[in-house]
Amino acid sequence: MAVDDLLIFLDSSFLFKLYVAEADSDQAFELLESFAGTGVVTLLSDVEVASGGYHGRSEEIVQRARQQYRTERLAGAFHQVTLDDPVFDLARQLGEKHAMQYKLRSLDILHLATALHYGMVGFATYDDRLILAATAFGLKLFPARS
């Protein structure tokens, strides 16, 4: 299932599964391969991978995951887009209109605003709140949900 020429935003819940063995990690790897280099991250993604998602993990696992992500980022494994004023303005608008409905946190809203602002068609996430919101905003979900 190749995803041709579509940019897919990679949420941190998706990224963590690539660097720390978890349930659905195999699925995340398969999806990333099918994206054929169209996965998108931001500098915010870098901060999230550096600082979160490692609850209960050993320091060795955490350091290895962070280093592997940094190495792949530097090697150009992902596209990067910029969080600029229009993205933040859209995030504010989404927050005002939808944060309570979908119980979204500020970083969730920034991820959605990024995908929408840059016209991405896909959104890769394992976060239940983002699944609901991304679907409502017309983004194609990866992994697909029924």
C-alpha atoms as a PDB file:
ATOM      1  CA  MET A   1       0.000   0.000   0.000  1.00  0.00           C
ATOM      2  CA  ALA A   2       2.249   2.817  -1.181  1.00  0.00           C
ATOM      3  CA  VAL A   3       1.121   6.330  -0.445  1.00  0.00           C
ATOM      4  CA  ASP A   4       2.167   8.263  -3.524  1.00  0.00           C
ATOM      5  CA  ASP A   5       3.133  11.908  -3.181  1.00  0.00           C
ATOM      6  CA  LEU A   6       0.968  12.501  -0.113  1.00  0.00           C
ATOM      7  CA  LEU A   7       2.483  14.196   2.878  1.00  0.00           C
ATOM      8  CA  ILE A   8       1.651  12.350   6.090  1.00  0.00           C
ATOM      9  CA  PHE A   9       2.055  14.095   9.437  1.00  0.00           C
ATOM     10  CA  LEU A  10       3.734  11.798  11.963  1.00  0.00           C
ATOM     11  CA  ASP A  11       2.413  12.458  15.457  1.00  0.00           C
ATOM     12  CA  SER A  12       4.698  11.695  18.396  1.00  0.00           C
ATOM     13  CA  SER A  13       2.533   8.720  19.421  1.00  0.00           C
ATOM     14  CA  PHE A  14       3.407   7.238  16.017  1.00  0.00           C
ATOM     15  CA  LEU A  15       7.081   8.205  16.226  1.00  0.00           C
ATOM     16  CA  PHE A  16       7.543   6.616  19.661  1.00  0.00           C
ATOM     17  CA  LYS A  17       6.450   3.256  18.281  1.00  0.00           C
ATOM     18  CA  LEU A  18       9.301   3.460  15.763  1.00  0.00           C
ATOM     19  CA  TYR A  19      11.988   3.921  18.405  1.00  0.00           C
ATOM     20  CA  VAL A  20      10.705   2.047  21.446  1.00  0.00           C
ATOM     21  CA  ALA A  21       9.298  -1.468  21.120  1.00  0.00           C
ATOM     22  CA  GLU A  22       5.600  -1.261  21.959  1.00  0.00           C
ATOM     23  CA  ALA A  23       2.335  -2.782  20.876  1.00  0.00           C
ATOM     24  CA  ASP A  24       1.792  -1.779  17.255  1.00  0.00           C
ATOM     25  CA  SER A  25       5.487  -1.008  16.606  1.00  0.00           C
ATOM     26  CA  ASP A  26       5.570  -3.533  13.752  1.00  0.00           C
ATOM     27  CA  GLN A  27       2.503  -1.910  12.232  1.00  0.00           C
ATOM     28  CA  ALA A  28       4.095   1.549  12.539  1.00  0.00           C
ATOM     29  CA  PHE A  29       7.240   0.327  10.744  1.00  0.00           C
ATOM     30  CA  GLU A  30       5.172  -1.147   7.922  1.00  0.00           C
ATOM     31  CA  LEU A  31       3.210   2.059   7.560  1.00  0.00           C
ATOM     32  CA  LEU A  32       6.330   4.210   7.551  1.00  0.00           C
ATOM     33  CA  GLU A  33       7.761   2.041   4.791  1.00  0.00           C
ATOM     34  CA  SER A  34       4.542   2.426   2.792  1.00  0.00           C
ATOM     35  CA  PHE A  35       4.778   6.216   3.133  1.00  0.00           C
ATOM     36  CA  ALA A  36       7.852   6.060   0.860  1.00  0.00           C
ATOM     37  CA  GLY A  37       9.551   9.114   2.334  1.00  0.00           C
ATOM     38  CA  THR A  38       6.460  11.290   2.689  1.00  0.00           C
ATOM     39  CA  GLY A  39       6.426  11.393   6.509  1.00  0.00           C
ATOM     40  CA  VAL A  40       6.490  14.910   7.954  1.00  0.00           C
ATOM     41  CA  VAL A  41       7.739  16.159  11.313  1.00  0.00           C
ATOM     42  CA  THR A  42       8.475  19.543  12.875  1.00  0.00           C
ATOM     43  CA  LEU A  43      10.965  20.841  15.404  1.00  0.00           C
ATOM     44  CA  LEU A  44       8.180  20.289  17.936  1.00  0.00           C
ATOM     45  CA  SER A  45       8.313  16.582  17.057  1.00  0.00           C
ATOM     46  CA  ASP A  46      12.005  16.651  17.950  1.00  0.00           C
ATOM     47  CA  VAL A  47      11.200  18.113  21.371  1.00  0.00           C
ATOM     48  CA  GLU A  48       8.500  15.532  21.997  1.00  0.00           C
ATOM     49  CA  VAL A  49      10.755  12.614  21.065  1.00  0.00           C
ATOM     50  CA  ALA A  50      13.483  14.060  23.280  1.00  0.00           C
ATOM     51  CA  SER A  51      11.249  14.572  26.283  1.00  0.00           C
ATOM     52  CA  GLY A  52       8.303  12.221  26.414  1.00  0.00           C
ATOM     53  CA  GLY A  53       6.780   8.822  25.943  1.00  0.00           C
ATOM     54  CA  TYR A  54       9.379   6.921  27.890  1.00  0.00           C
ATOM     55  CA  HIS A  55       7.524   6.287  31.151  1.00  0.00           C
ATOM     56  CA  GLY A  56       8.901   3.219  32.881  1.00  0.00           C
ATOM     57  CA  ARG A  57      11.727   2.749  30.348  1.00  0.00           C
ATOM     58  CA  SER A  58      15.368   2.301  31.264  1.00  0.00           C
ATOM     59  CA  GLU A  59      17.804   5.135  30.648  1.00  0.00           C
ATOM     60  CA  GLU A  60      19.572   2.934  28.081  1.00  0.00           C
ATOM     61  CA  ILE A  61      16.389   2.429  26.054  1.00  0.00           C
ATOM     62  CA  VAL A  62      15.543   6.123  26.235  1.00  0.00           C
ATOM     63  CA  GLN A  63      19.006   7.240  25.116  1.00  0.00           C
ATOM     64  CA  ARG A  64      19.075   4.705  22.279  1.00  0.00           C
ATOM     65  CA  ALA A  65      15.629   5.825  21.052  1.00  0.00           C
ATOM     66  CA  ARG A  66      16.579   9.501  21.140  1.00  0.00           C
ATOM     67  CA  GLN A  67      19.852   8.876  19.326  1.00  0.00           C
ATOM     68  CA  GLN A  68      18.246   6.712  16.646  1.00  0.00           C
ATOM     69  CA  TYR A  69      15.624   9.373  15.977  1.00  0.00           C
ATOM     70  CA  ARG A  70      18.263  12.140  15.779  1.00  0.00           C
ATOM     71  CA  THR A  71      20.388  10.046  13.430  1.00  0.00           C
ATOM     72  CA  GLU A  72      17.470   9.374  11.114  1.00  0.00           C
ATOM     73  CA  ARG A  73      16.367  13.019  11.203  1.00  0.00           C
ATOM     74  CA  LEU A  74      19.840  14.195  10.244  1.00  0.00           C
ATOM     75  CA  ALA A  75      19.934  11.619   7.454  1.00  0.00           C
ATOM     76  CA  GLY A  76      16.744  13.098   5.992  1.00  0.00           C
ATOM     77  CA  ALA A  77      14.368  10.266   6.854  1.00  0.00           C
ATOM     78  CA  PHE A  78      11.513  12.746   7.285  1.00  0.00           C
ATOM     79  CA  HIS A  79      10.375  15.968   5.669  1.00  0.00           C
ATOM     80  CA  GLN A  80      10.345  18.949   7.998  1.00  0.00           C
ATOM     81  CA  VAL A  81       7.891  21.824   7.913  1.00  0.00           C
ATOM     82  CA  THR A  82       8.028  25.042   9.883  1.00  0.00           C
ATOM     83  CA  LEU A  83       5.776  26.088  12.714  1.00  0.00           C
ATOM     84  CA  ASP A  84       5.293  29.708  11.706  1.00  0.00           C
ATOM     85  CA  ASP A  85       2.788  32.412  12.589  1.00  0.00           C
ATOM     86  CA  PRO A  86       0.030  31.111  10.264  1.00  0.00           C
ATOM     87  CA  VAL A  87       0.286  27.652  11.871  1.00  0.00           C
ATOM     88  CA  PHE A  88       0.006  29.150  15.350  1.00  0.00           C
ATOM     89  CA  ASP A  89      -2.916  31.329  14.267  1.00  0.00           C
ATOM     90  CA  LEU A  90      -4.737  28.300  12.869  1.00  0.00           C
ATOM     91  CA  ALA A  91      -3.931  26.366  16.058  1.00  0.00           C
ATOM     92  CA  ARG A  92      -5.463  29.172  18.130  1.00  0.00           C
ATOM     93  CA  GLN A  93      -8.600  29.101  15.979  1.00  0.00           C
ATOM     94  CA  LEU A  94      -8.855  25.317  16.251  1.00  0.00           C
ATOM     95  CA  GLY A  95      -8.357  25.546  19.991  1.00  0.00           C
ATOM     96  CA  GLU A  96     -11.103  28.109  20.390  1.00  0.00           C
ATOM     97  CA  LYS A  97     -13.553  26.093  18.308  1.00  0.00           C
ATOM     98  CA  HIS A  98     -12.670  22.464  18.992  1.00  0.00           C
ATOM     99  CA  ALA A  99     -10.378  21.916  21.986  1.00  0.00           C
ATOM    100  CA  MET A 100     -13.176  21.198  24.435  1.00  0.00           C
ATOM    101  CA  GLN A 101     -15.162  19.039  22.012  1.00  0.00           C
ATOM    102  CA  TYR A 102     -12.226  16.703  21.321  1.00  0.00           C
ATOM    103  CA  LYS A 103     -10.402  17.232  24.639  1.00  0.00           C
ATOM    104  CA  LEU A 104      -7.312  18.349  22.744  1.00  0.00           C
ATOM    105  CA  ARG A 105      -4.138  19.573  24.383  1.00  0.00           C
ATOM    106  CA  SER A 106      -2.107  22.438  22.967  1.00  0.00           C
ATOM    107  CA  LEU A 107       0.491  20.211  21.297  1.00  0.00           C
ATOM    108  CA  ASP A 108      -2.262  18.098  19.717  1.00  0.00           C
ATOM    109  CA  ILE A 109      -3.777  21.252  18.275  1.00  0.00           C
ATOM    110  CA  LEU A 110      -0.419  22.380  16.904  1.00  0.00           C
ATOM    111  CA  HIS A 111       0.041  19.033  15.161  1.00  0.00           C
ATOM    112  CA  LEU A 112      -3.417  19.237  13.593  1.00  0.00           C
ATOM    113  CA  ALA A 113      -2.916  22.859  12.576  1.00  0.00           C
ATOM    114  CA  THR A 114       0.392  21.934  10.949  1.00  0.00           C
ATOM    115  CA  ALA A 115      -1.166  19.148   8.908  1.00  0.00           C
ATOM    116  CA  LEU A 116      -4.094  21.329   7.851  1.00  0.00           C
ATOM    117  CA  HIS A 117      -2.022  24.426   7.102  1.00  0.00           C
ATOM    118  CA  TYR A 118       0.351  22.530   4.828  1.00  0.00           C
ATOM    119  CA  GLY A 119      -2.456  20.691   3.065  1.00  0.00           C
ATOM    120  CA  MET A 120      -1.414  17.251   4.214  1.00  0.00           C
ATOM    121  CA  VAL A 121      -3.869  14.506   3.453  1.00  0.00           C
ATOM    122  CA  GLY A 122      -2.730  11.992   6.040  1.00  0.00           C
ATOM    123  CA  PHE A 123      -2.173  11.911   9.771  1.00  0.00           C
ATOM    124  CA  ALA A 124      -0.339   9.040  11.491  1.00  0.00           C
ATOM    125  CA  THR A 125      -1.261   8.713  15.154  1.00  0.00           C
ATOM    126  CA  TYR A 126      -2.156   6.244  17.864  1.00  0.00           C
ATOM    127  CA  ASP A 127      -3.631   8.969  20.112  1.00  0.00           C
ATOM    128  CA  ASP A 128      -7.384   8.510  20.608  1.00  0.00           C
ATOM    129  CA  ARG A 129      -8.112  12.242  20.873  1.00  0.00           C
ATOM    130  CA  LEU A 130      -6.225  12.997  17.705  1.00  0.00           C
ATOM    131  CA  ILE A 131      -7.917  10.121  15.894  1.00  0.00           C
ATOM    132  CA  LEU A 132     -11.313  11.709  16.513  1.00  0.00           C
ATOM    133  CA  ALA A 133     -10.230  15.241  15.659  1.00  0.00           C
ATOM    134  CA  ALA A 134      -8.177  14.335  12.574  1.00  0.00           C
ATOM    135  CA  THR A 135     -11.107  12.336  11.225  1.00  0.00           C
ATOM    136  CA  ALA A 136     -13.470  15.257  11.832  1.00  0.00           C
ATOM    137  CA  PHE A 137     -11.111  17.567   9.918  1.00  0.00           C
ATOM    138  CA  GLY A 138     -11.005  15.219   6.934  1.00  0.00           C
ATOM    139  CA  LEU A 139      -7.489  13.862   7.341  1.00  0.00           C
ATOM    140  CA  LYS A 140      -6.858  10.276   6.271  1.00  0.00           C
ATOM    141  CA  LEU A 141      -5.790   8.271   9.307  1.00  0.00           C
ATOM    142  CA  PHE A 142      -2.847   5.926   9.517  1.00  0.00           C
ATOM    143  CA  PRO A 143      -3.242   3.285  10.679  1.00  0.00           C
ATOM    144  CA  ALA A 144      -6.707   3.235   9.155  1.00  0.00           C
ATOM    145  CA  ARG A 145      -9.583   3.059  11.601  1.00  0.00           C
ATOM    146  CA  SER A 146     -12.988   1.587  10.859  1.00  0.00           C
END
